[in-house]
Amino acid sequence: MRKPKIYLETTLFNFYFDTERDAHNATVKLFEEITTGKYEAFTSRYVVDELDMIVSMNFQHIVKRKTKIATANINALNGYRVVEILNPMEVIDNEENEYD
């Protein structure tokens, strides 16, 4: 089975190190799952056409309905596949995760 490729947007690193943030535990778990080989993670913008997911905690600009719709439309118009935009809680290994 192919590993999903995910782009780690820079806000995730803040949540990893700041133990007071609400999503700290989910972010740490996501990094642990990356370490075990469940996902192939990238931080470079040069792999966007190969990605399955963009993972971010930036709810103001990235992880929001308007951005998800616009990104899907732009990708479709340019012949790229749809890339999901998710937060760590939607990605980590749990019963709601469709990538398990």
N, C-alpha and C. Protein backbone atom coordinates (compact mmCIF):
# COMPACT_ATOMS: atom_id res chain seq x y z
N MET A 1 0.83 -1.18 0.00
CA MET A 1 0.00 0.00 0.00
C MET A 1 0.88 1.25 0.00
N ARG A 2 0.53 2.21 -0.83
CA ARG A 2 1.28 3.45 -0.94
C ARG A 2 1.03 4.33 0.28
N LYS A 3 2.11 4.93 0.78
CA LYS A 3 1.99 5.87 1.91
C LYS A 3 1.41 7.18 1.40
N PRO A 4 0.43 7.75 2.11
CA PRO A 4 -0.04 9.08 1.73
C PRO A 4 1.08 10.10 1.90
N LYS A 5 1.18 11.01 0.95
CA LYS A 5 2.16 12.10 1.01
C LYS A 5 1.47 13.33 1.59
N ILE A 6 2.10 13.90 2.62
CA ILE A 6 1.50 15.06 3.26
C ILE A 6 2.50 16.21 3.33
N TYR A 7 1.97 17.40 3.14
CA TYR A 7 2.76 18.62 3.27
C TYR A 7 2.51 19.19 4.66
N LEU A 8 3.56 19.46 5.39
CA LEU A 8 3.46 20.02 6.73
C LEU A 8 3.62 21.53 6.66
N GLU A 9 2.52 22.22 6.81
CA GLU A 9 2.53 23.68 6.78
C GLU A 9 3.18 24.17 8.07
N THR A 10 3.82 25.31 8.03
CA THR A 10 4.68 25.76 9.13
C THR A 10 3.99 25.93 10.48
N THR A 11 2.69 26.15 10.52
CA THR A 11 2.01 26.32 11.81
C THR A 11 2.12 25.06 12.67
N LEU A 12 2.27 23.90 12.05
CA LEU A 12 2.34 22.65 12.82
C LEU A 12 3.52 22.63 13.78
N PHE A 13 4.62 23.20 13.38
CA PHE A 13 5.81 23.17 14.22
C PHE A 13 5.60 23.98 15.50
N ASN A 14 4.84 25.06 15.43
CA ASN A 14 4.51 25.82 16.63
C ASN A 14 3.68 24.97 17.59
N PHE A 15 2.72 24.24 17.06
CA PHE A 15 1.86 23.41 17.91
C PHE A 15 2.62 22.22 18.49
N TYR A 16 3.64 21.77 17.80
CA TYR A 16 4.44 20.65 18.31
C TYR A 16 5.21 21.07 19.57
N PHE A 17 5.79 22.25 19.54
CA PHE A 17 6.64 22.69 20.64
C PHE A 17 5.90 23.41 21.76
N ASP A 18 4.73 23.96 21.48
CA ASP A 18 3.98 24.70 22.50
C ASP A 18 2.99 23.76 23.18
N THR A 19 3.34 23.28 24.35
CA THR A 19 2.53 22.29 25.07
C THR A 19 1.21 22.86 25.59
N GLU A 20 1.05 24.18 25.55
CA GLU A 20 -0.17 24.80 26.04
C GLU A 20 -1.26 24.88 24.96
N ARG A 21 -0.92 24.61 23.72
CA ARG A 21 -1.89 24.71 22.62
C ARG A 21 -2.85 23.52 22.64
N ASP A 22 -4.09 23.76 22.22
CA ASP A 22 -5.11 22.72 22.23
C ASP A 22 -4.73 21.51 21.38
N ALA A 23 -4.13 21.73 20.25
CA ALA A 23 -3.83 20.64 19.32
C ALA A 23 -2.42 20.08 19.50
N HIS A 24 -1.76 20.40 20.58
CA HIS A 24 -0.39 19.91 20.80
C HIS A 24 -0.31 18.39 20.73
N ASN A 25 -1.17 17.70 21.47
CA ASN A 25 -1.10 16.24 21.51
C ASN A 25 -1.35 15.61 20.15
N ALA A 26 -2.32 16.12 19.41
CA ALA A 26 -2.60 15.59 18.08
C ALA A 26 -1.43 15.85 17.14
N THR A 27 -0.81 17.00 17.25
CA THR A 27 0.34 17.33 16.41
C THR A 27 1.52 16.41 16.72
N VAL A 28 1.79 16.18 18.00
CA VAL A 28 2.87 15.26 18.39
C VAL A 28 2.57 13.86 17.87
N LYS A 29 1.32 13.43 17.99
CA LYS A 29 0.96 12.10 17.49
C LYS A 29 1.16 12.00 15.98
N LEU A 30 0.82 13.06 15.26
CA LEU A 30 1.03 13.06 13.81
C LEU A 30 2.52 12.89 13.49
N PHE A 31 3.37 13.62 14.18
CA PHE A 31 4.81 13.48 13.95
C PHE A 31 5.30 12.08 14.31
N GLU A 32 4.73 11.47 15.35
CA GLU A 32 5.09 10.10 15.70
C GLU A 32 4.69 9.13 14.59
N GLU A 33 3.51 9.34 14.01
CA GLU A 33 3.07 8.48 12.92
C GLU A 33 3.93 8.67 11.67
N ILE A 34 4.41 9.87 11.46
CA ILE A 34 5.34 10.11 10.35
C ILE A 34 6.63 9.35 10.61
N THR A 35 7.13 9.40 11.85
CA THR A 35 8.36 8.72 12.21
C THR A 35 8.26 7.20 12.02
N THR A 36 7.08 6.64 12.28
CA THR A 36 6.91 5.19 12.11
C THR A 36 6.72 4.79 10.65
N GLY A 37 6.62 5.77 9.76
CA GLY A 37 6.52 5.47 8.34
C GLY A 37 5.11 5.40 7.80
N LYS A 38 4.13 5.83 8.58
CA LYS A 38 2.75 5.79 8.10
C LYS A 38 2.51 6.79 6.97
N TYR A 39 3.17 7.94 7.04
CA TYR A 39 3.03 8.98 6.02
C TYR A 39 4.40 9.38 5.51
N GLU A 40 4.44 9.89 4.30
CA GLU A 40 5.65 10.48 3.75
C GLU A 40 5.45 11.99 3.82
N ALA A 41 6.24 12.66 4.65
CA ALA A 41 6.03 14.08 4.92
C ALA A 41 7.00 14.96 4.16
N PHE A 42 6.51 16.13 3.76
CA PHE A 42 7.30 17.11 3.03
C PHE A 42 7.06 18.50 3.59
N THR A 43 8.04 19.35 3.44
CA THR A 43 7.87 20.76 3.77
C THR A 43 8.23 21.64 2.57
N SER A 44 8.56 21.02 1.47
CA SER A 44 8.94 21.76 0.26
C SER A 44 7.73 21.98 -0.64
N ARG A 45 7.64 23.14 -1.22
CA ARG A 45 6.53 23.44 -2.13
C ARG A 45 6.69 22.75 -3.49
N TYR A 46 7.80 22.10 -3.74
CA TYR A 46 8.06 21.51 -5.04
C TYR A 46 7.42 20.14 -5.24
N VAL A 47 6.73 19.63 -4.26
CA VAL A 47 6.09 18.33 -4.40
C VAL A 47 4.57 18.42 -4.42
N VAL A 48 4.04 19.60 -4.57
CA VAL A 48 2.61 19.82 -4.47
C VAL A 48 1.81 18.94 -5.43
N ASP A 49 2.29 18.72 -6.63
CA ASP A 49 1.53 17.92 -7.59
C ASP A 49 1.48 16.44 -7.22
N GLU A 50 2.25 16.00 -6.23
CA GLU A 50 2.25 14.60 -5.82
C GLU A 50 1.58 14.39 -4.47
N LEU A 51 1.09 15.43 -3.85
CA LEU A 51 0.57 15.33 -2.48
C LEU A 51 -0.81 14.72 -2.41
N ASP A 52 -1.09 14.13 -1.26
CA ASP A 52 -2.43 13.67 -0.93
C ASP A 52 -3.10 14.66 0.03
N MET A 53 -2.30 15.26 0.93
CA MET A 53 -2.85 16.14 1.96
C MET A 53 -1.91 17.30 2.25
N ILE A 54 -2.50 18.42 2.65
CA ILE A 54 -1.79 19.52 3.27
C ILE A 54 -2.30 19.57 4.70
N VAL A 55 -1.39 19.52 5.67
CA VAL A 55 -1.78 19.52 7.07
C VAL A 55 -1.36 20.84 7.69
N SER A 56 -2.33 21.52 8.31
CA SER A 56 -2.08 22.86 8.83
C SER A 56 -2.95 23.13 10.05
N MET A 57 -2.52 24.07 10.85
CA MET A 57 -3.33 24.58 11.94
C MET A 57 -3.72 26.04 11.68
N ASN A 58 -3.52 26.50 10.47
CA ASN A 58 -3.86 27.87 10.10
C ASN A 58 -5.31 27.92 9.64
N PHE A 59 -6.22 28.07 10.61
CA PHE A 59 -7.65 28.07 10.31
C PHE A 59 -8.12 29.38 9.69
N GLN A 60 -7.35 30.42 9.83
CA GLN A 60 -7.75 31.72 9.28
C GLN A 60 -7.56 31.76 7.75
N HIS A 61 -6.51 31.11 7.24
CA HIS A 61 -6.23 31.21 5.82
C HIS A 61 -6.24 29.89 5.05
N ILE A 62 -5.89 28.78 5.68
CA ILE A 62 -5.68 27.55 4.93
C ILE A 62 -6.75 26.49 5.20
N VAL A 63 -6.95 26.12 6.44
CA VAL A 63 -7.89 25.05 6.78
C VAL A 63 -9.28 25.65 6.98
N LYS A 64 -9.87 26.02 5.86
CA LYS A 64 -11.23 26.56 5.89
C LYS A 64 -11.93 26.23 4.58
N ARG A 65 -13.23 26.21 4.64
CA ARG A 65 -14.04 25.76 3.50
C ARG A 65 -13.73 26.52 2.20
N LYS A 66 -13.64 27.83 2.27
CA LYS A 66 -13.39 28.64 1.07
C LYS A 66 -12.08 28.24 0.39
N THR A 67 -11.03 28.05 1.17
CA THR A 67 -9.73 27.67 0.61
C THR A 67 -9.78 26.26 0.03
N LYS A 68 -10.47 25.35 0.71
CA LYS A 68 -10.58 23.97 0.22
C LYS A 68 -11.29 23.94 -1.13
N ILE A 69 -12.37 24.68 -1.26
CA ILE A 69 -13.12 24.71 -2.52
C ILE A 69 -12.29 25.36 -3.62
N ALA A 70 -11.68 26.50 -3.34
CA ALA A 70 -10.87 27.19 -4.35
C ALA A 70 -9.70 26.33 -4.80
N THR A 71 -9.02 25.68 -3.86
CA THR A 71 -7.89 24.82 -4.20
C THR A 71 -8.32 23.66 -5.08
N ALA A 72 -9.44 23.02 -4.73
CA ALA A 72 -9.95 21.91 -5.54
C ALA A 72 -10.28 22.37 -6.95
N ASN A 73 -10.92 23.54 -7.07
CA ASN A 73 -11.27 24.06 -8.39
C ASN A 73 -10.05 24.41 -9.22
N ILE A 74 -9.08 25.06 -8.61
CA ILE A 74 -7.85 25.43 -9.33
C ILE A 74 -7.10 24.18 -9.78
N ASN A 75 -7.00 23.19 -8.90
CA ASN A 75 -6.33 21.95 -9.27
C ASN A 75 -7.04 21.27 -10.44
N ALA A 76 -8.35 21.20 -10.39
CA ALA A 76 -9.12 20.57 -11.47
C ALA A 76 -8.93 21.31 -12.79
N LEU A 77 -8.96 22.64 -12.75
CA LEU A 77 -8.77 23.43 -13.96
C LEU A 77 -7.40 23.24 -14.58
N ASN A 78 -6.40 22.96 -13.74
CA ASN A 78 -5.03 22.80 -14.23
C ASN A 78 -4.62 21.34 -14.40
N GLY A 79 -5.57 20.44 -14.29
CA GLY A 79 -5.28 19.03 -14.52
C GLY A 79 -4.62 18.30 -13.37
N TYR A 80 -4.63 18.89 -12.17
CA TYR A 80 -4.06 18.24 -11.00
C TYR A 80 -5.18 17.56 -10.21
N ARG A 81 -4.81 16.58 -9.43
CA ARG A 81 -5.81 15.94 -8.59
C ARG A 81 -6.09 16.81 -7.36
N VAL A 82 -7.20 16.54 -6.71
CA VAL A 82 -7.58 17.28 -5.52
C VAL A 82 -6.67 16.88 -4.36
N VAL A 83 -6.17 17.88 -3.65
CA VAL A 83 -5.34 17.66 -2.47
C VAL A 83 -6.18 18.06 -1.26
N GLU A 84 -6.32 17.15 -0.32
CA GLU A 84 -7.09 17.46 0.88
C GLU A 84 -6.34 18.45 1.76
N ILE A 85 -7.07 19.34 2.39
CA ILE A 85 -6.50 20.28 3.36
C ILE A 85 -7.13 19.93 4.71
N LEU A 86 -6.28 19.50 5.65
CA LEU A 86 -6.77 18.98 6.92
C LEU A 86 -5.97 19.52 8.09
N ASN A 87 -6.50 19.35 9.29
CA ASN A 87 -5.74 19.66 10.50
C ASN A 87 -5.25 18.33 11.08
N PRO A 88 -4.28 18.34 11.99
CA PRO A 88 -3.72 17.10 12.51
C PRO A 88 -4.75 16.15 13.13
N MET A 89 -5.78 16.70 13.77
CA MET A 89 -6.79 15.86 14.40
C MET A 89 -7.54 15.02 13.37
N GLU A 90 -7.62 15.50 12.14
CA GLU A 90 -8.29 14.75 11.08
C GLU A 90 -7.39 13.69 10.44
N VAL A 91 -6.11 13.77 10.72
CA VAL A 91 -5.16 12.87 10.07
C VAL A 91 -4.66 11.75 10.98
N ILE A 92 -4.46 12.05 12.26
CA ILE A 92 -3.84 11.07 13.15
C ILE A 92 -4.66 9.79 13.24
N ASP A 93 -4.01 8.73 13.67
CA ASP A 93 -4.60 7.40 13.75
C ASP A 93 -5.71 7.38 14.80
N ASN A 94 -6.94 7.42 14.32
CA ASN A 94 -8.11 7.30 15.19
C ASN A 94 -9.25 6.70 14.40
N GLU A 95 -10.36 6.43 15.05
CA GLU A 95 -11.45 5.74 14.38
C GLU A 95 -12.10 6.53 13.24
N GLU A 96 -11.97 7.84 13.23
CA GLU A 96 -12.55 8.64 12.15
C GLU A 96 -11.64 8.77 10.94
N ASN A 97 -10.42 8.28 11.02
CA ASN A 97 -9.43 8.48 9.96
C ASN A 97 -9.63 7.48 8.82
N GLU A 98 -9.98 7.97 7.64
CA GLU A 98 -10.23 7.09 6.51
C GLU A 98 -8.94 6.57 5.87
N TYR A 99 -7.79 7.06 6.28
CA TYR A 99 -6.52 6.60 5.71
C TYR A 99 -5.97 5.38 6.42
N ASP A 100 -6.63 4.92 7.48
CA ASP A 100 -6.16 3.73 8.20
C ASP A 100 -6.29 2.49 7.34
